[in-house]
Each structure stands twice: as structure tokens, then as C-alpha cells.
């Protein structure tokens, strides 16, 4: 398997893909978290007012620790956002920074709850798959986007490309956190990812 780490023009990806398929290798495109660089034109002029979670001047930070816990233990100054995300008893305030915050307080986070944004992102993935003949996607920082969005995104892609492979990157030392994101398993949130 070869991984393409570029966001280069489609022609470059096609030529790279052609070389990998000649060698009977699968070609995956690394797809970054649903964020944009702060210099992207959308950061200055949004396609829709709620295209992002927040604005340049007013947004959550995905890296910010959440003080305290839902048990009311004030000595815990930095609740693990990933552990809160997979805990069925944790209130959303403990994991909302993770799924709606701007990555490292810098990269705008696209509002995947907005149906227009979700449709755009699905159509973008379909375009890349169709235009380049990719075998799959490696989705970077997978837990930073809601499981509901990923379930709909995967279902939309699988309707067209049933053999398309996706690999979501979940980096955490606790196996109970990483296993929460395994596809095909219904979790407490009712979401089953294909």
C-alpha cells in the first residue's frame, strides 16, 4: 500500500496512482480532518454563515483542556476529551471542544452538522475517488468529527463505491477509546459506521 500525502492537483495524483496500480498496489489519499488552512479564502469569506464552527475571532479550541469533570472533582484540571467522547455519561461540554473546536486553535473546523457542508464534503470525496481512481481514504484525526457525520459520509461513498476502503486515524493510548471507533459496531450514541 502506498500513501499519497499531497493535496496536489488531480493530474499529479492520477499519474502517481497509475504507477502504483501498475505495481498492483492500493492507493490511498490522506484526507485531513475537516479543517482548512487559515489562509484559505473561505476563512475570510464563508460560503454560508455557519460553514464553520465559530468564527476566526470566536471559536472553540480543540486542544484546550476542560477544567473539572462531570463528577464535580475540581482537582482534575484537564479532563481527557477523548475519554469523555466515548463515555455515555459525560455531558457534551466535556467533548464539544474536540468535535467542534478549531484544531490547535488555528485551523477552522467545518460545521459537518450543516447539511450543505456535509453534502459538499461527500461530493468532494466522490469527486476525488472518481477523478483519480483511488482505492480508499486515510482519514486523519478521525475522532475530531462527529460519528454521525462519518456514518453518513461512509454510507454515501459505499453506495457508489462498495469496495472503497477507509482508514480512520485514532491516536490514543487507551484501547477503550480507540475501539469505540471500530466500524460496524453500534455504540451508545446509536451510530454504526460502515
Foldseek 3Di string as FASTA:
>chain_A
DDEDADPDDLVVLQVVCVVQVVVVHAYAYEDEAQWDACPPPCLVPPPDPQQFQAHLVDFAELPQFDADFPVRDRVPGGPDLLVLVQDPPGDVVRNVSQQRNAYRSGTTHGDLVPVVNLVVVLVVVVCSCVSRVHQEYEYESVVNHDLVSQQVSQVSVCVVVVRRDYHYDDDDPDPSSVVSPDAQDQGPVRHHHD
